[in-house]
């Protein structure tokens, strides 16, 4: 990293830390105000459809890019593990790419869509799933790598936080794949998303004040 990049790391980390609150905050408002949307039945990705769907897509692209910026700043701020900051960078890129490719309408959302899963899958819906999956893998890897490194440094609280976040994400992704459209699958994944963004936000704030090696 260049000296200028290292000097700008605190500001970039703050930008990265904003991604989580923006994603969770905007997503929560959308889930509440969008007619016909039910978090128990519908995945978060479906919010990119219908009137106002552009808000969700834009939010994903912006928060994904902010996460990429934050990941690069984590490297300049002292997070030297390539697997850790690289995994977070992959996650941010995956979120941004998924925002550019809209999931197909399904199970009655937007209003007027037939119930159940669509009979055919569009290329952009397939791309959305693949981009999201790759991003999730990046975040999971970063969580487990940091859990091990911080454990070696006797930072037990952050090591456990990282490990739990990684495990919850693994279970939620598996659960979503096995029970797509079910209440348990959707709510479990929502919990994982909130936890993952909280972990990233707090990690970036933490790195602004102390080095992680």
Protein backbone atom coordinates (compact mmCIF):
# COMPACT_ATOMS: atom_id res chain seq x y z
CA UNK A 1 0.00 0.00 0.00
CA UNK A 2 1.25 3.50 -0.73
CA UNK A 3 1.68 6.07 2.01
CA UNK A 4 -1.21 8.16 0.66
CA UNK A 5 -3.51 5.14 0.67
CA UNK A 6 -2.49 4.26 4.22
CA UNK A 7 -3.20 7.83 5.31
CA UNK A 8 -6.66 7.72 3.76
CA UNK A 9 -7.46 4.33 5.30
CA UNK A 10 -9.44 5.75 8.31
CA UNK A 11 -11.79 7.68 6.01
CA UNK A 12 -12.21 4.70 3.68
CA UNK A 13 -12.86 2.40 6.63
CA UNK A 14 -15.62 4.74 7.75
CA UNK A 15 -17.11 4.58 4.25
CA UNK A 16 -16.97 0.79 4.41
CA UNK A 17 -18.57 0.79 7.84
CA UNK A 18 -21.59 2.64 6.40
CA UNK A 19 -22.42 -0.27 4.07
CA UNK A 20 -24.00 -2.42 6.77
CA UNK A 21 -26.32 0.22 8.26
CA UNK A 22 -27.38 1.28 4.76
CA UNK A 23 -28.13 -2.27 3.64
CA UNK A 24 -30.00 -3.31 6.77
CA UNK A 25 -31.77 0.04 7.19
CA UNK A 26 -32.99 0.40 3.61
CA UNK A 27 -33.84 -3.29 3.36
CA UNK A 28 -35.91 -3.12 6.55
CA UNK A 29 -37.87 -0.11 5.32
CA UNK A 30 -38.49 -1.81 1.97
CA UNK A 31 -39.70 -4.99 3.65
CA UNK A 32 -42.18 -2.97 5.68
CA UNK A 33 -43.57 -0.60 3.04
CA UNK A 34 -43.57 -2.70 -0.14
CA UNK A 35 -47.09 -3.97 -0.82
CA UNK A 36 -47.35 -7.75 -0.97
CA UNK A 37 -43.91 -8.45 0.48
CA UNK A 38 -43.71 -10.96 3.33
CA UNK A 39 -40.27 -11.67 4.83
CA UNK A 40 -41.56 -15.06 5.97
CA UNK A 41 -42.21 -16.14 2.37
CA UNK A 42 -40.09 -13.94 0.15
CA UNK A 43 -36.33 -13.65 -0.13
CA UNK A 44 -34.74 -10.23 0.21
CA UNK A 45 -33.66 -10.42 -3.41
CA UNK A 46 -37.25 -10.22 -4.63
CA UNK A 47 -37.39 -6.58 -3.47
CA UNK A 48 -35.53 -5.65 -6.67
CA UNK A 49 -38.75 -6.33 -8.61
CA UNK A 50 -41.78 -4.13 -9.19
CA UNK A 51 -42.30 -0.44 -8.59
CA UNK A 52 -39.42 0.84 -6.51
CA UNK A 53 -37.31 -2.22 -7.21
CA UNK A 54 -34.53 0.03 -8.48
CA UNK A 55 -34.04 1.24 -4.90
CA UNK A 56 -33.06 -2.25 -3.74
CA UNK A 57 -30.80 -2.82 -6.74
CA UNK A 58 -29.07 0.51 -6.26
CA UNK A 59 -28.68 -0.14 -2.55
CA UNK A 60 -26.96 -3.46 -3.26
CA UNK A 61 -24.56 -1.94 -5.77
CA UNK A 62 -23.67 0.99 -3.51
CA UNK A 63 -23.22 -1.08 -0.35
CA UNK A 64 -21.23 -3.68 -2.26
CA UNK A 65 -18.85 -1.05 -3.62
CA UNK A 66 -18.52 0.54 -0.18
CA UNK A 67 -17.56 -2.88 1.16
CA UNK A 68 -14.90 -3.26 -1.54
CA UNK A 69 -13.49 0.14 -0.55
CA UNK A 70 -13.58 -0.91 3.10
CA UNK A 71 -11.81 -4.19 2.34
CA UNK A 72 -8.94 -2.37 0.62
CA UNK A 73 -8.79 0.06 3.54
CA UNK A 74 -8.65 -2.87 5.98
CA UNK A 75 -5.44 -3.93 4.26
CA UNK A 76 -4.01 -0.43 4.63
CA UNK A 77 -5.27 -0.24 8.23
CA UNK A 78 -3.32 -3.27 9.37
CA UNK A 79 -5.35 -6.34 8.36
CA UNK A 80 -2.51 -8.15 6.64
CA UNK A 81 -4.16 -11.51 5.96
CA UNK A 82 -4.95 -11.69 2.25
CA UNK A 83 -7.57 -14.35 2.92
CA UNK A 84 -9.34 -12.04 5.39
CA UNK A 85 -9.45 -8.72 3.54
CA UNK A 86 -9.59 -10.57 0.21
CA UNK A 87 -12.63 -12.55 1.35
CA UNK A 88 -14.36 -9.33 2.38
CA UNK A 89 -13.48 -7.77 -0.98
CA UNK A 90 -15.02 -10.78 -2.75
CA UNK A 91 -18.14 -10.41 -0.61
CA UNK A 92 -18.50 -6.74 -1.53
CA UNK A 93 -17.98 -7.47 -5.21
CA UNK A 94 -20.53 -10.27 -5.02
CA UNK A 95 -23.15 -8.01 -3.44
CA UNK A 96 -22.56 -5.32 -6.07
CA UNK A 97 -22.72 -7.83 -8.94
CA UNK A 98 -25.88 -9.39 -7.52
CA UNK A 99 -27.42 -5.92 -7.41
CA UNK A 100 -26.81 -5.54 -11.13
CA UNK A 101 -28.63 -8.80 -11.89
CA UNK A 102 -32.23 -8.94 -10.70
CA UNK A 103 -33.79 -12.10 -9.26
CA UNK A 104 -36.95 -13.28 -11.01
CA UNK A 105 -40.38 -12.45 -9.48
CA UNK A 106 -41.72 -15.39 -7.46
CA UNK A 107 -44.39 -16.62 -5.08
CA UNK A 108 -46.81 -13.74 -5.47
CA UNK A 109 -44.30 -10.88 -5.37
CA UNK A 110 -44.63 -8.37 -6.86
CA UNK A 111 -48.42 -8.45 -6.60
CA UNK A 112 -49.82 -10.30 -9.61
CA UNK A 113 -46.97 -12.80 -9.82
CA UNK A 114 -48.15 -16.45 -9.75
CA UNK A 115 -47.61 -18.34 -6.50
CA UNK A 116 -44.64 -20.69 -6.24
CA UNK A 117 -41.29 -20.63 -7.97
CA UNK A 118 -41.00 -19.50 -11.61
CA UNK A 119 -41.07 -22.28 -14.18
CA UNK A 120 -38.00 -20.92 -15.98
CA UNK A 121 -35.01 -19.00 -14.64
CA UNK A 122 -33.67 -15.97 -16.50
CA UNK A 123 -29.96 -15.42 -17.06
CA UNK A 124 -29.93 -12.43 -14.74
CA UNK A 125 -31.65 -14.37 -11.96
CA UNK A 126 -29.11 -17.17 -12.35
CA UNK A 127 -26.28 -14.62 -12.31
CA UNK A 128 -27.75 -13.00 -9.19
CA UNK A 129 -27.66 -16.32 -7.33
CA UNK A 130 -24.11 -17.17 -8.45
CA UNK A 131 -22.75 -13.71 -7.60
CA UNK A 132 -24.40 -13.82 -4.19
CA UNK A 133 -23.11 -17.32 -3.47
CA UNK A 134 -19.54 -16.38 -4.37
CA UNK A 135 -19.82 -13.32 -2.14
CA UNK A 136 -21.11 -15.42 0.77
CA UNK A 137 -18.15 -17.79 0.40
CA UNK A 138 -15.80 -14.81 0.58
CA UNK A 139 -17.38 -13.57 3.80
CA UNK A 140 -17.38 -17.04 5.36
CA UNK A 141 -13.69 -17.49 4.57
CA UNK A 142 -12.87 -14.07 6.06
CA UNK A 143 -14.79 -14.92 9.25
CA UNK A 144 -13.03 -18.24 9.79
CA UNK A 145 -9.58 -16.87 8.96
CA UNK A 146 -9.99 -13.98 11.38
CA UNK A 147 -11.42 -16.29 14.05
CA UNK A 148 -8.22 -18.34 13.91
CA UNK A 149 -5.84 -15.37 13.78
CA UNK A 150 -7.53 -13.46 16.58
CA UNK A 151 -7.70 -16.64 18.63
CA UNK A 152 -3.92 -16.94 18.36
CA UNK A 153 -3.68 -13.34 19.55
CA UNK A 154 -5.86 -14.19 22.58
CA UNK A 155 -8.61 -11.84 21.41
CA UNK A 156 -11.26 -14.35 22.45
CA UNK A 157 -14.27 -12.07 22.12
CA UNK A 158 -13.58 -11.14 18.50
CA UNK A 159 -12.41 -14.65 17.66
CA UNK A 160 -15.73 -16.08 18.87
CA UNK A 161 -17.72 -13.31 17.18
CA UNK A 162 -16.00 -14.11 13.88
CA UNK A 163 -16.43 -17.85 14.29
CA UNK A 164 -20.12 -17.58 15.17
CA UNK A 165 -20.77 -15.24 12.24
CA UNK A 166 -19.08 -17.67 9.85
CA UNK A 167 -20.99 -20.67 11.21
CA UNK A 168 -24.34 -18.86 11.10
CA UNK A 169 -23.70 -17.89 7.48
CA UNK A 170 -22.80 -21.45 6.51
CA UNK A 171 -25.93 -22.83 8.16
CA UNK A 172 -28.15 -20.13 6.65
CA UNK A 173 -26.85 -20.66 3.12
CA UNK A 174 -27.32 -24.42 3.44
CA UNK A 175 -30.75 -23.90 4.98
CA UNK A 176 -31.81 -21.47 2.28
CA UNK A 177 -30.78 -23.91 -0.42
CA UNK A 178 -32.58 -26.80 1.25
CA UNK A 179 -35.69 -24.86 2.24
CA UNK A 180 -36.06 -22.07 -0.28
CA UNK A 181 -39.28 -20.21 0.25
CA UNK A 182 -39.91 -21.63 3.73
CA UNK A 183 -40.35 -19.40 6.77
CA UNK A 184 -37.41 -21.00 8.59
CA UNK A 185 -35.12 -20.66 5.59
CA UNK A 186 -36.00 -17.04 4.88
CA UNK A 187 -35.86 -15.87 8.49
CA UNK A 188 -32.65 -17.78 9.16
CA UNK A 189 -30.98 -16.16 6.18
CA UNK A 190 -32.23 -12.73 7.23
CA UNK A 191 -30.64 -13.19 10.65
CA UNK A 192 -27.36 -14.21 8.99
CA UNK A 193 -27.40 -11.16 6.72
CA UNK A 194 -27.92 -8.79 9.66
CA UNK A 195 -25.20 -10.53 11.70
CA UNK A 196 -22.77 -10.49 8.78
CA UNK A 197 -23.23 -6.77 8.15
CA UNK A 198 -22.90 -6.05 11.88
CA UNK A 199 -19.63 -8.02 11.96
CA UNK A 200 -18.24 -6.13 8.97
CA UNK A 201 -19.26 -2.73 10.31
CA UNK A 202 -17.74 -3.35 13.73
CA UNK A 203 -14.58 -4.82 12.19
CA UNK A 204 -14.00 -1.71 10.11
CA UNK A 205 -14.66 0.58 13.06
CA UNK A 206 -12.30 -1.52 15.21
CA UNK A 207 -9.54 -1.42 12.60
CA UNK A 208 -9.61 2.36 12.58
CA UNK A 209 -8.30 2.42 16.13
CA UNK A 210 -6.03 -0.62 16.35
CA UNK A 211 -4.03 -2.86 14.06
CA UNK A 212 -4.87 -6.51 13.42
CA UNK A 213 -1.88 -8.54 12.31
